[in-house]
C-alpha atoms as a PDB file:
ATOM      1  CA  MET A   1     -13.573  12.733  -2.168  1.00  0.00           C
ATOM      2  CA  LEU A   2     -11.073  14.411   0.069  1.00  0.00           C
ATOM      3  CA  LYS A   3     -10.889  18.157  -0.289  1.00  0.00           C
ATOM      4  CA  LYS A   4      -7.604  18.621   1.578  1.00  0.00           C
ATOM      5  CA  ASP A   5      -4.272  18.067  -0.119  1.00  0.00           C
ATOM      6  CA  ASN A   6      -2.100  16.949   2.777  1.00  0.00           C
ATOM      7  CA  PHE A   7       0.942  14.666   2.945  1.00  0.00           C
ATOM      8  CA  PHE A   8      -0.137  13.065   6.239  1.00  0.00           C
ATOM      9  CA  ILE A   9      -3.600  12.227   4.916  1.00  0.00           C
ATOM     10  CA  GLY A  10      -1.850  10.333   2.118  1.00  0.00           C
ATOM     11  CA  LEU A  11       0.312   8.462   4.625  1.00  0.00           C
ATOM     12  CA  ILE A  12      -2.651   7.431   6.763  1.00  0.00           C
ATOM     13  CA  ALA A  13      -4.830   6.534   3.773  1.00  0.00           C
ATOM     14  CA  ALA A  14      -2.099   4.344   2.270  1.00  0.00           C
ATOM     15  CA  ILE A  15      -1.560   2.471   5.531  1.00  0.00           C
ATOM     16  CA  VAL A  16      -5.291   1.890   6.011  1.00  0.00           C
ATOM     17  CA  ILE A  17      -5.812   0.750   2.405  1.00  0.00           C
ATOM     18  CA  PHE A  18      -2.822  -1.598   2.621  1.00  0.00           C
ATOM     19  CA  PHE A  19      -4.057  -3.314   5.778  1.00  0.00           C
ATOM     20  CA  VAL A  20      -7.647  -3.602   4.532  1.00  0.00           C
ATOM     21  CA  ILE A  21      -6.601  -5.183   1.222  1.00  0.00           C
ATOM     22  CA  TYR A  22      -3.980  -7.349   2.949  1.00  0.00           C
ATOM     23  CA  SER A  23      -6.546  -8.653   5.442  1.00  0.00           C
ATOM     24  CA  PHE A  24      -9.085  -9.316   2.697  1.00  0.00           C
ATOM     25  CA  VAL A  25      -6.608 -11.215   0.492  1.00  0.00           C
ATOM     26  CA  ASN A  26      -5.151 -13.066   3.459  1.00  0.00           C
ATOM     27  CA  LEU A  27      -8.631 -14.153   4.532  1.00  0.00           C
ATOM     28  CA  PHE A  28      -9.037 -16.140   1.314  1.00  0.00           C
ATOM     29  CA  THR A  29      -5.480 -17.460   0.936  1.00  0.00           C
ATOM     30  CA  GLY A  30      -4.934 -18.965   4.375  1.00  0.00           C
ATOM     31  CA  PHE A  31      -1.366 -17.700   4.824  1.00  0.00           C
ATOM     32  CA  PRO A  32      -0.456 -16.726   8.395  1.00  0.00           C
ATOM     33  CA  TYR A  33      -0.505 -12.984   8.947  1.00  0.00           C
ATOM     34  CA  PHE A  34       2.837 -11.322   8.201  1.00  0.00           C
ATOM     35  CA  SER A  35       4.404 -14.563   7.076  1.00  0.00           C
ATOM     36  CA  GLN A  36       8.058 -14.426   6.085  1.00  0.00           C
ATOM     37  CA  ASN A  37       7.579 -17.196   3.572  1.00  0.00           C
ATOM     38  CA  ARG A  38       8.576 -16.577  -0.057  1.00  0.00           C
ATOM     39  CA  ASP A  39       5.274 -18.093  -1.193  1.00  0.00           C
ATOM     40  CA  SER A  40       3.367 -15.291   0.552  1.00  0.00           C
ATOM     41  CA  LEU A  41       5.260 -12.521  -1.259  1.00  0.00           C
ATOM     42  CA  TRP A  42       2.456 -12.085  -3.802  1.00  0.00           C
ATOM     43  CA  VAL A  43      -0.009 -11.304  -0.974  1.00  0.00           C
ATOM     44  CA  TYR A  44       2.091  -8.286   0.019  1.00  0.00           C
ATOM     45  CA  MET A  45       2.474  -7.132  -3.567  1.00  0.00           C
ATOM     46  CA  ILE A  46      -1.252  -7.423  -4.315  1.00  0.00           C
ATOM     47  CA  SER A  47      -1.914  -5.337  -1.207  1.00  0.00           C
ATOM     48  CA  ILE A  48       0.308  -2.528  -2.493  1.00  0.00           C
ATOM     49  CA  ILE A  49      -1.220  -2.321  -5.995  1.00  0.00           C
ATOM     50  CA  PRO A  50      -4.325  -0.299  -4.930  1.00  0.00           C
ATOM     51  CA  ASN A  51      -2.070   2.269  -3.233  1.00  0.00           C
ATOM     52  CA  VAL A  52      -0.041   2.754  -6.394  1.00  0.00           C
ATOM     53  CA  LEU A  53      -3.138   3.086  -8.574  1.00  0.00           C
ATOM     54  CA  LEU A  54      -4.889   5.487  -6.199  1.00  0.00           C
ATOM     55  CA  SER A  55      -1.763   7.618  -5.835  1.00  0.00           C
ATOM     56  CA  ARG A  56      -1.566   7.870  -9.627  1.00  0.00           C
ATOM     57  CA  PHE A  57      -5.111   9.204  -9.734  1.00  0.00           C
ATOM     58  CA  MET A  58      -4.312  11.674  -6.961  1.00  0.00           C
ATOM     59  CA  LEU A  59      -1.160  12.913  -8.654  1.00  0.00           C
ATOM     60  CA  VAL A  60      -2.470  13.213 -12.214  1.00  0.00           C
ATOM     61  CA  SER A  61      -6.258  13.352 -12.334  1.00  0.00           C
ATOM     62  CA  TRP A  62      -7.299  14.916  -9.034  1.00  0.00           C
ATOM     63  CA  ASN A  63      -4.391  17.404  -8.675  1.00  0.00           C
ATOM     64  CA  MET A  64      -3.685  16.331  -5.086  1.00  0.00           C
ATOM     65  CA  GLU A  65       0.092  16.169  -5.272  1.00  0.00           C
ATOM     66  CA  LYS A  66       0.901  16.132  -1.556  1.00  0.00           C
ATOM     67  CA  THR A  67      -1.579  13.352  -0.779  1.00  0.00           C
ATOM     68  CA  GLY A  68      -0.347  11.325  -3.756  1.00  0.00           C
ATOM     69  CA  ARG A  69       3.250  11.754  -2.624  1.00  0.00           C
ATOM     70  CA  GLY A  70       2.349  10.462   0.831  1.00  0.00           C
ATOM     71  CA  MET A  71       0.719   7.390  -0.682  1.00  0.00           C
ATOM     72  CA  MET A  72       3.686   6.746  -2.979  1.00  0.00           C
ATOM     73  CA  PHE A  73       6.073   7.117  -0.034  1.00  0.00           C
ATOM     74  CA  ILE A  74       4.247   4.453   1.996  1.00  0.00           C
ATOM     75  CA  SER A  75       4.013   2.205  -1.073  1.00  0.00           C
ATOM     76  CA  LEU A  76       7.754   2.480  -1.680  1.00  0.00           C
ATOM     77  CA  ILE A  77       8.567   1.799   1.974  1.00  0.00           C
ATOM     78  CA  GLY A  78       6.181  -1.177   1.943  1.00  0.00           C
ATOM     79  CA  ILE A  79       7.785  -2.666  -1.164  1.00  0.00           C
ATOM     80  CA  LEU A  80      11.302  -2.231   0.203  1.00  0.00           C
ATOM     81  CA  LEU A  81      10.409  -3.717   3.604  1.00  0.00           C
ATOM     82  CA  THR A  82       8.649  -6.642   1.968  1.00  0.00           C
ATOM     83  CA  MET A  83      11.632  -7.409  -0.216  1.00  0.00           C
ATOM     84  CA  TYR A  84      14.014  -7.122   2.721  1.00  0.00           C
ATOM     85  CA  ILE A  85      11.981  -9.261   5.128  1.00  0.00           C
ATOM     86  CA  VAL A  86      10.868 -11.984   2.727  1.00  0.00           C
ATOM     87  CA  LEU A  87      13.924 -12.262   0.510  1.00  0.00           C
ATOM     88  CA  LYS A  88      16.710 -11.989   3.090  1.00  0.00           C
END
């Protein structure tokens, strides 16, 4: 795994993981990319779940607090933006 405990590595890793999972889920669902439809809200939420789980492992099990904080920050921003864009 990563040996460096860095906030920016957590930010970049969370963004990459989100877009990979989002693309994979979106490939099988058929929703347009970055749809503002309420029916596609679950696609965004499923894409954020791996970030939350991985950040938990980084914070608790792997003692990488800065990287875990970066991942949690991006996850929180992603959830808030999703709620704002889709539910407005």
